[in-house]
């Protein structure tokens, strides 16, 4: 089978990418795998770097996944796997992601400011409606003016 990237050399690796519920498999030659960073210069697949004698016998007590199976697929079987294999994969995660701590997505400062402004507008509209319902027209006019200023501000 020819390499899916260069279409010249024989494919020796099967590279699978999983995004959500969709998985895509590519057949890649060793040369293209090295160029794409899927193989270190030593030629040992990244998953092979995970295995050593100490961790070969680790097994998740909940789902039964072995560390060897994890190293091949790079997929956990359940949420408990991270607790079982966590210490073994930290160096790998640090190398792969630059950190072992997941920070998630964060909003830009401008997004936070827009969100705060939107919250304040919603709050003022509710206060305006309440003031009109209570026939507190002076309070309602002040709220209306503040609301107009806020909505017109860029």
N, C-alpha and C. Protein backbone atom coordinates (compact mmCIF):
# COMPACT_ATOMS: atom_id res chain seq x y z
N UNK A 1 0.85 -1.17 0.00
CA UNK A 1 0.00 0.00 0.00
C UNK A 1 0.90 1.24 0.00
N UNK A 2 0.58 2.22 -0.87
CA UNK A 2 1.39 3.42 -0.98
C UNK A 2 1.02 4.44 0.09
N UNK A 3 1.98 5.29 0.40
CA UNK A 3 1.80 6.36 1.38
C UNK A 3 0.71 7.32 0.90
N UNK A 4 -0.19 7.70 1.81
CA UNK A 4 -1.28 8.62 1.47
C UNK A 4 -0.79 10.06 1.28
N UNK A 5 0.44 10.35 1.69
CA UNK A 5 0.96 11.71 1.56
C UNK A 5 1.77 11.87 0.27
N UNK A 6 2.81 11.05 0.11
CA UNK A 6 3.69 11.20 -1.06
C UNK A 6 3.27 10.34 -2.25
N UNK A 7 2.53 9.28 -2.00
CA UNK A 7 2.08 8.35 -3.05
C UNK A 7 3.25 7.71 -3.80
N UNK A 8 4.43 7.65 -3.16
CA UNK A 8 5.61 7.07 -3.80
C UNK A 8 6.09 5.84 -3.04
N UNK A 9 6.34 6.03 -1.73
CA UNK A 9 6.91 4.97 -0.91
C UNK A 9 5.83 4.09 -0.30
N UNK A 10 6.25 2.91 0.12
CA UNK A 10 5.36 1.95 0.78
C UNK A 10 4.99 2.47 2.17
N UNK A 11 3.71 2.44 2.52
CA UNK A 11 3.24 2.88 3.84
C UNK A 11 3.60 1.82 4.88
N UNK A 12 4.21 2.27 5.97
CA UNK A 12 4.57 1.36 7.06
C UNK A 12 3.87 1.70 8.36
N UNK A 13 3.24 2.86 8.41
CA UNK A 13 2.53 3.30 9.62
C UNK A 13 1.07 3.57 9.30
N UNK A 14 0.21 3.27 10.24
CA UNK A 14 -1.20 3.60 10.13
C UNK A 14 -1.48 4.65 11.19
N UNK A 15 -1.74 5.87 10.76
CA UNK A 15 -1.92 7.00 11.67
C UNK A 15 -3.41 7.33 11.74
N UNK A 16 -3.99 7.26 12.94
CA UNK A 16 -5.41 7.53 13.12
C UNK A 16 -5.59 8.79 13.95
N UNK A 17 -6.41 9.69 13.43
CA UNK A 17 -6.75 10.93 14.13
C UNK A 17 -8.22 10.83 14.53
N UNK A 18 -8.50 11.06 15.82
CA UNK A 18 -9.87 11.00 16.31
C UNK A 18 -10.28 12.39 16.77
N UNK A 19 -11.35 12.91 16.18
CA UNK A 19 -11.90 14.21 16.57
C UNK A 19 -13.37 14.00 16.88
N UNK A 20 -13.69 14.02 18.15
CA UNK A 20 -15.06 13.75 18.57
C UNK A 20 -15.42 12.31 18.25
N UNK A 21 -16.43 12.11 17.44
CA UNK A 21 -16.84 10.75 17.09
C UNK A 21 -16.33 10.34 15.71
N UNK A 22 -15.57 11.22 15.05
CA UNK A 22 -15.06 10.94 13.71
C UNK A 22 -13.59 10.54 13.80
N UNK A 23 -13.24 9.42 13.17
CA UNK A 23 -11.84 9.01 13.13
C UNK A 23 -11.41 8.87 11.68
N UNK A 24 -10.20 9.35 11.39
CA UNK A 24 -9.63 9.29 10.05
C UNK A 24 -8.31 8.56 10.14
N UNK A 25 -8.10 7.58 9.28
CA UNK A 25 -6.87 6.81 9.27
C UNK A 25 -6.09 7.10 8.00
N UNK A 26 -4.79 7.32 8.17
CA UNK A 26 -3.90 7.54 7.02
C UNK A 26 -2.81 6.48 7.06
N UNK A 27 -2.42 6.01 5.89
CA UNK A 27 -1.30 5.08 5.75
C UNK A 27 -0.11 5.91 5.30
N UNK A 28 0.95 5.92 6.10
CA UNK A 28 2.07 6.83 5.88
C UNK A 28 3.39 6.07 5.84
N UNK A 29 4.29 6.51 4.96
CA UNK A 29 5.63 5.93 4.93
C UNK A 29 6.47 6.54 6.06
N UNK A 30 7.56 5.90 6.39
CA UNK A 30 8.41 6.36 7.49
C UNK A 30 8.98 7.74 7.19
N UNK A 31 9.34 8.01 5.94
CA UNK A 31 9.93 9.30 5.56
C UNK A 31 8.94 10.45 5.81
N UNK A 32 7.70 10.29 5.34
CA UNK A 32 6.68 11.34 5.54
C UNK A 32 6.31 11.48 7.01
N UNK A 33 6.30 10.37 7.74
CA UNK A 33 5.99 10.41 9.17
C UNK A 33 7.03 11.24 9.92
N UNK A 34 8.31 11.09 9.53
CA UNK A 34 9.37 11.89 10.17
C UNK A 34 9.20 13.36 9.81
N UNK A 35 8.88 13.65 8.54
CA UNK A 35 8.69 15.04 8.10
C UNK A 35 7.53 15.71 8.83
N UNK A 36 6.48 14.95 9.11
CA UNK A 36 5.30 15.48 9.79
C UNK A 36 5.45 15.48 11.31
N UNK A 37 6.56 14.95 11.81
CA UNK A 37 6.79 14.92 13.26
C UNK A 37 6.08 13.79 13.97
N UNK A 38 5.61 12.80 13.22
CA UNK A 38 4.93 11.66 13.82
C UNK A 38 5.91 10.61 14.30
N UNK A 39 7.14 10.70 13.82
CA UNK A 39 8.21 9.80 14.27
C UNK A 39 9.37 10.67 14.70
N UNK A 40 9.98 10.39 15.83
CA UNK A 40 11.19 11.11 16.18
C UNK A 40 12.32 10.67 15.26
N UNK A 41 13.41 11.40 15.25
CA UNK A 41 14.54 11.08 14.39
C UNK A 41 15.05 9.66 14.60
N UNK A 42 14.84 9.10 15.80
CA UNK A 42 15.31 7.75 16.10
C UNK A 42 14.52 6.69 15.34
N UNK A 43 13.34 7.06 14.80
CA UNK A 43 12.53 6.10 14.06
C UNK A 43 11.57 5.32 14.92
N UNK A 44 11.58 5.52 16.23
CA UNK A 44 10.66 4.83 17.13
C UNK A 44 9.37 5.62 17.17
N UNK A 45 8.22 4.98 16.95
CA UNK A 45 6.96 5.72 17.02
C UNK A 45 6.77 6.34 18.41
N UNK A 46 6.09 7.47 18.45
CA UNK A 46 5.85 8.17 19.71
C UNK A 46 5.20 7.25 20.73
N UNK A 47 4.26 6.41 20.28
CA UNK A 47 3.61 5.50 21.23
C UNK A 47 4.62 4.54 21.84
N UNK A 48 5.67 4.20 21.11
CA UNK A 48 6.71 3.32 21.64
C UNK A 48 7.52 3.98 22.75
N UNK A 49 7.58 5.30 22.73
CA UNK A 49 8.31 6.01 23.78
C UNK A 49 7.62 5.89 25.13
N UNK A 50 6.32 5.62 25.11
CA UNK A 50 5.56 5.52 26.35
C UNK A 50 5.86 4.23 27.11
N UNK A 51 6.19 3.18 26.38
CA UNK A 51 6.32 1.87 27.02
C UNK A 51 7.70 1.66 27.63
N UNK A 52 7.71 1.21 28.86
CA UNK A 52 8.93 0.72 29.49
C UNK A 52 8.52 -0.45 30.37
N UNK A 53 9.48 -1.16 30.92
CA UNK A 53 9.16 -2.37 31.69
C UNK A 53 8.26 -2.10 32.89
N UNK A 54 8.42 -0.93 33.51
CA UNK A 54 7.66 -0.64 34.73
C UNK A 54 6.16 -0.48 34.47
N UNK A 55 5.81 0.10 33.32
CA UNK A 55 4.40 0.39 33.10
C UNK A 55 3.69 -0.60 32.19
N UNK A 56 4.39 -1.57 31.65
CA UNK A 56 3.77 -2.53 30.72
C UNK A 56 2.63 -3.32 31.37
N UNK A 57 2.68 -3.51 32.68
CA UNK A 57 1.68 -4.33 33.36
C UNK A 57 0.55 -3.52 33.98
N UNK A 58 0.52 -2.21 33.79
CA UNK A 58 -0.55 -1.39 34.35
C UNK A 58 -1.87 -1.70 33.64
N UNK A 59 -2.94 -1.83 34.43
CA UNK A 59 -4.27 -2.13 33.89
C UNK A 59 -5.29 -1.28 34.64
N UNK A 60 -6.20 -0.67 33.90
CA UNK A 60 -7.28 0.09 34.53
C UNK A 60 -8.26 -0.89 35.17
N UNK A 61 -8.54 -0.68 36.44
CA UNK A 61 -9.42 -1.59 37.17
C UNK A 61 -10.89 -1.46 36.75
N UNK A 62 -11.26 -0.32 36.19
CA UNK A 62 -12.65 -0.12 35.79
C UNK A 62 -12.96 -0.70 34.41
N UNK A 63 -12.13 -0.38 33.39
CA UNK A 63 -12.47 -0.82 32.02
C UNK A 63 -11.56 -1.93 31.50
N UNK A 64 -10.46 -2.21 32.22
CA UNK A 64 -9.58 -3.30 31.81
C UNK A 64 -8.55 -2.93 30.75
N UNK A 65 -8.47 -1.66 30.37
CA UNK A 65 -7.50 -1.22 29.37
C UNK A 65 -6.09 -1.36 29.93
N UNK A 66 -5.20 -1.96 29.16
CA UNK A 66 -3.80 -2.06 29.60
C UNK A 66 -3.04 -0.84 29.10
N UNK A 67 -1.93 -0.56 29.76
CA UNK A 67 -1.13 0.58 29.33
C UNK A 67 -0.57 0.33 27.93
N UNK A 68 -0.29 -0.92 27.64
CA UNK A 68 0.23 -1.27 26.31
C UNK A 68 -0.81 -0.94 25.24
N UNK A 69 -2.08 -1.25 25.50
CA UNK A 69 -3.15 -0.92 24.55
C UNK A 69 -3.30 0.60 24.42
N UNK A 70 -3.20 1.31 25.55
CA UNK A 70 -3.28 2.76 25.51
C UNK A 70 -2.15 3.33 24.67
N UNK A 71 -0.93 2.80 24.84
CA UNK A 71 0.23 3.30 24.10
C UNK A 71 0.06 3.10 22.59
N UNK A 72 -0.64 2.05 22.20
CA UNK A 72 -0.89 1.80 20.77
C UNK A 72 -1.93 2.77 20.21
N UNK A 73 -3.03 2.94 20.94
CA UNK A 73 -4.16 3.73 20.42
C UNK A 73 -4.14 5.19 20.85
N UNK A 74 -3.45 5.47 21.95
CA UNK A 74 -3.44 6.80 22.58
C UNK A 74 -4.85 7.26 22.93
N UNK A 75 -5.72 6.30 23.27
CA UNK A 75 -7.09 6.59 23.70
C UNK A 75 -7.33 5.93 25.04
N UNK A 76 -7.96 6.67 25.96
CA UNK A 76 -8.36 6.10 27.23
C UNK A 76 -9.64 5.30 27.05
N UNK A 77 -9.83 4.30 27.89
CA UNK A 77 -11.05 3.51 27.85
C UNK A 77 -12.15 4.12 28.70
N UNK A 78 -11.77 4.82 29.77
CA UNK A 78 -12.75 5.45 30.66
C UNK A 78 -12.06 6.58 31.42
N UNK A 79 -12.81 7.27 32.25
CA UNK A 79 -12.25 8.40 33.00
C UNK A 79 -11.25 7.95 34.06
N UNK A 80 -11.36 6.71 34.50
CA UNK A 80 -10.44 6.18 35.51
C UNK A 80 -9.05 5.93 34.95
N UNK A 81 -8.94 5.73 33.63
CA UNK A 81 -7.65 5.45 32.99
C UNK A 81 -6.64 6.56 33.27
N UNK A 82 -7.09 7.81 33.26
CA UNK A 82 -6.16 8.91 33.50
C UNK A 82 -5.56 8.81 34.90
N UNK A 83 -6.37 8.41 35.88
CA UNK A 83 -5.86 8.24 37.24
C UNK A 83 -4.85 7.10 37.31
N UNK A 84 -5.14 6.01 36.60
CA UNK A 84 -4.26 4.83 36.63
C UNK A 84 -2.96 5.10 35.88
N UNK A 85 -3.04 5.69 34.68
CA UNK A 85 -1.87 5.87 33.83
C UNK A 85 -1.26 7.27 33.94
N UNK A 86 -1.88 8.14 34.74
CA UNK A 86 -1.50 9.55 34.80
C UNK A 86 -0.02 9.84 34.95
N UNK A 87 0.62 9.23 35.93
CA UNK A 87 2.04 9.51 36.17
C UNK A 87 2.91 9.04 35.01
N UNK A 88 2.50 7.97 34.35
CA UNK A 88 3.27 7.41 33.24
C UNK A 88 3.21 8.29 32.00
N UNK A 89 2.09 9.00 31.82
CA UNK A 89 1.93 9.77 30.59
C UNK A 89 2.24 11.26 30.75
N UNK A 90 2.50 11.71 31.97
CA UNK A 90 2.77 13.14 32.17
C UNK A 90 3.94 13.64 31.32
N UNK A 91 5.08 12.92 31.28
CA UNK A 91 6.18 13.41 30.43
C UNK A 91 5.77 13.49 28.95
N UNK A 92 4.99 12.53 28.51
CA UNK A 92 4.52 12.52 27.13
C UNK A 92 3.60 13.72 26.87
N UNK A 93 2.66 13.99 27.79
CA UNK A 93 1.75 15.12 27.63
C UNK A 93 2.51 16.44 27.62
N UNK A 94 3.51 16.54 28.49
CA UNK A 94 4.31 17.77 28.54
C UNK A 94 5.02 17.99 27.22
N UNK A 95 5.56 16.92 26.65
CA UNK A 95 6.26 17.03 25.37
C UNK A 95 5.28 17.36 24.25
N UNK A 96 4.12 16.73 24.27
CA UNK A 96 3.13 16.90 23.21
C UNK A 96 2.43 18.25 23.28
N UNK A 97 2.00 18.67 24.48
CA UNK A 97 1.19 19.88 24.64
C UNK A 97 1.92 21.04 25.30
N UNK A 98 3.11 20.79 25.82
CA UNK A 98 3.85 21.85 26.50
C UNK A 98 3.47 22.01 27.96
N UNK A 99 2.49 21.24 28.42
CA UNK A 99 2.03 21.33 29.80
C UNK A 99 1.28 20.06 30.16
N UNK A 100 1.19 19.80 31.46
CA UNK A 100 0.39 18.66 31.91
C UNK A 100 -0.91 19.13 32.55
N UNK A 101 -1.15 20.43 32.52
CA UNK A 101 -2.35 21.01 33.12
C UNK A 101 -3.25 21.51 32.00
N UNK A 102 -4.51 21.08 32.00
CA UNK A 102 -5.47 21.54 31.00
C UNK A 102 -6.09 22.84 31.47
N UNK A 103 -5.95 23.88 30.66
CA UNK A 103 -6.48 25.18 31.03
C UNK A 103 -7.79 25.49 30.34
N UNK A 104 -8.16 24.72 29.34
CA UNK A 104 -9.40 24.95 28.62
C UNK A 104 -9.32 26.20 27.78
N UNK A 105 -10.44 26.58 27.23
CA UNK A 105 -10.49 27.78 26.41
C UNK A 105 -10.74 28.97 27.31
N UNK A 106 -10.16 30.10 26.96
CA UNK A 106 -10.40 31.30 27.75
C UNK A 106 -10.84 32.43 26.83
N UNK A 107 -11.65 33.31 27.37
CA UNK A 107 -12.15 34.43 26.59
C UNK A 107 -11.10 35.52 26.52
N UNK A 108 -11.10 36.24 25.41
CA UNK A 108 -10.25 37.41 25.26
C UNK A 108 -10.81 38.50 26.18
N UNK A 109 -9.98 39.48 26.52
CA UNK A 109 -10.45 40.57 27.39
C UNK A 109 -11.61 41.32 26.75
N UNK A 110 -11.56 41.50 25.42
CA UNK A 110 -12.65 42.21 24.75
C UNK A 110 -13.94 41.42 24.83
N UNK A 111 -13.84 40.09 24.74
CA UNK A 111 -15.04 39.24 24.85
C UNK A 111 -15.65 39.35 26.24
N UNK A 112 -14.80 39.41 27.26
CA UNK A 112 -15.27 39.53 28.64
C UNK A 112 -15.98 40.87 28.82
N UNK A 113 -15.41 41.94 28.25
CA UNK A 113 -16.02 43.26 28.36
C UNK A 113 -17.38 43.29 27.66
N UNK A 114 -17.47 42.66 26.48
CA UNK A 114 -18.75 42.60 25.77
C UNK A 114 -19.78 41.81 26.56
N UNK A 115 -19.35 40.73 27.18
CA UNK A 115 -20.24 39.90 27.97
C UNK A 115 -20.77 40.68 29.18
N UNK A 116 -19.89 41.42 29.85
CA UNK A 116 -20.30 42.23 30.99
C UNK A 116 -21.29 43.32 30.56
N UNK A 117 -21.02 43.93 29.41
CA UNK A 117 -21.91 44.98 28.90
C UNK A 117 -23.29 44.39 28.60
N UNK A 118 -23.30 43.21 27.96
CA UNK A 118 -24.57 42.56 27.64
C UNK A 118 -25.35 42.23 28.91
N UNK A 119 -24.65 41.75 29.94
CA UNK A 119 -25.31 41.43 31.22
C UNK A 119 -25.94 42.68 31.83
N UNK A 120 -25.19 43.79 31.77
CA UNK A 120 -25.69 45.04 32.35
C UNK A 120 -26.92 45.54 31.59
N UNK A 121 -26.90 45.41 30.25
CA UNK A 121 -28.05 45.83 29.44
C UNK A 121 -29.28 45.00 29.80
N UNK A 122 -29.11 43.70 29.93
CA UNK A 122 -30.22 42.82 30.31
C UNK A 122 -30.77 43.21 31.67
N UNK A 123 -29.86 43.47 32.62
CA UNK A 123 -30.27 43.87 33.97
C UNK A 123 -31.05 45.19 33.94
N UNK A 124 -30.54 46.17 33.16
CA UNK A 124 -31.21 47.47 33.09
C UNK A 124 -32.58 47.37 32.42
N UNK A 125 -32.70 46.54 31.40
CA UNK A 125 -34.01 46.36 30.74
C UNK A 125 -35.03 45.79 31.71
N UNK A 126 -34.59 44.84 32.52
CA UNK A 126 -35.49 44.25 33.52
C UNK A 126 -35.87 45.30 34.56
N UNK A 127 -34.88 46.09 35.00
CA UNK A 127 -35.15 47.14 35.99
C UNK A 127 -36.11 48.19 35.42
N UNK A 128 -35.95 48.51 34.14
CA UNK A 128 -36.83 49.48 33.48
C UNK A 128 -38.27 48.95 33.43
N UNK A 129 -38.40 47.71 33.07
CA UNK A 129 -39.73 47.09 33.01
C UNK A 129 -40.39 47.09 34.40
N UNK A 130 -39.60 46.77 35.44
CA UNK A 130 -40.12 46.76 36.81
C UNK A 130 -40.53 48.17 37.26
N UNK A 131 -39.70 49.16 36.91
CA UNK A 131 -40.00 50.54 37.30
C UNK A 131 -41.29 51.03 36.64
N UNK A 132 -41.47 50.71 35.37
CA UNK A 132 -42.70 51.10 34.66
C UNK A 132 -43.90 50.39 35.27
N UNK A 133 -43.74 49.11 35.59
CA UNK A 133 -44.84 48.34 36.20
C UNK A 133 -45.25 48.93 37.55
N UNK A 134 -44.27 49.49 38.28
CA UNK A 134 -44.55 50.09 39.59
C UNK A 134 -44.94 51.57 39.47
N UNK A 135 -44.99 52.05 38.22
CA UNK A 135 -45.31 53.44 37.92
C UNK A 135 -44.31 54.41 38.54
N UNK A 136 -43.04 53.97 38.66
CA UNK A 136 -41.96 54.83 39.14
C UNK A 136 -41.30 55.45 37.91
N UNK A 137 -41.97 56.47 37.32
CA UNK A 137 -41.56 57.00 36.03
C UNK A 137 -40.24 57.77 36.06
N UNK A 138 -39.96 58.44 37.17
CA UNK A 138 -38.68 59.15 37.28
C UNK A 138 -37.52 58.16 37.27
N UNK A 139 -37.67 57.10 38.05
CA UNK A 139 -36.64 56.05 38.09
C UNK A 139 -36.53 55.40 36.71
N UNK A 140 -37.66 55.16 36.08
CA UNK A 140 -37.67 54.54 34.76
C UNK A 140 -36.95 55.40 33.73
N UNK A 141 -37.14 56.73 33.82
CA UNK A 141 -36.47 57.61 32.84
C UNK A 141 -34.96 57.62 33.04
N UNK A 142 -34.51 57.56 34.31
CA UNK A 142 -33.07 57.49 34.58
C UNK A 142 -32.49 56.18 34.03
N UNK A 143 -33.21 55.10 34.27
CA UNK A 143 -32.75 53.79 33.77
C UNK A 143 -32.72 53.79 32.25
N UNK A 144 -33.78 54.40 31.63
CA UNK A 144 -33.85 54.48 30.16
C UNK A 144 -32.65 55.24 29.60
N UNK A 145 -32.29 56.36 30.25
CA UNK A 145 -31.16 57.16 29.79
C UNK A 145 -29.84 56.38 29.92
N UNK A 146 -29.69 55.70 31.03
CA UNK A 146 -28.47 54.90 31.25
C UNK A 146 -28.39 53.76 30.23
N UNK A 147 -29.53 53.16 29.96
CA UNK A 147 -29.61 52.07 28.98
C UNK A 147 -29.26 52.58 27.58
N UNK A 148 -29.77 53.74 27.22
CA UNK A 148 -29.48 54.33 25.90
C UNK A 148 -28.00 54.63 25.76
N UNK A 149 -27.39 55.18 26.81
CA UNK A 149 -25.95 55.47 26.79
C UNK A 149 -25.15 54.19 26.58
N UNK A 150 -25.53 53.18 27.31
CA UNK A 150 -24.81 51.90 27.25
C UNK A 150 -24.97 51.23 25.88
N UNK A 151 -26.18 51.27 25.33
CA UNK A 151 -26.43 50.64 24.03
C UNK A 151 -25.77 51.40 22.88
N UNK A 152 -25.61 52.72 23.02
CA UNK A 152 -24.99 53.52 21.97
C UNK A 152 -23.47 53.55 22.06
N UNK A 153 -22.93 53.17 23.19
CA UNK A 153 -21.47 53.16 23.37
C UNK A 153 -20.87 52.03 22.54
N UNK A 154 -19.72 52.31 21.93
CA UNK A 154 -19.06 51.28 21.12
C UNK A 154 -18.00 50.54 21.85
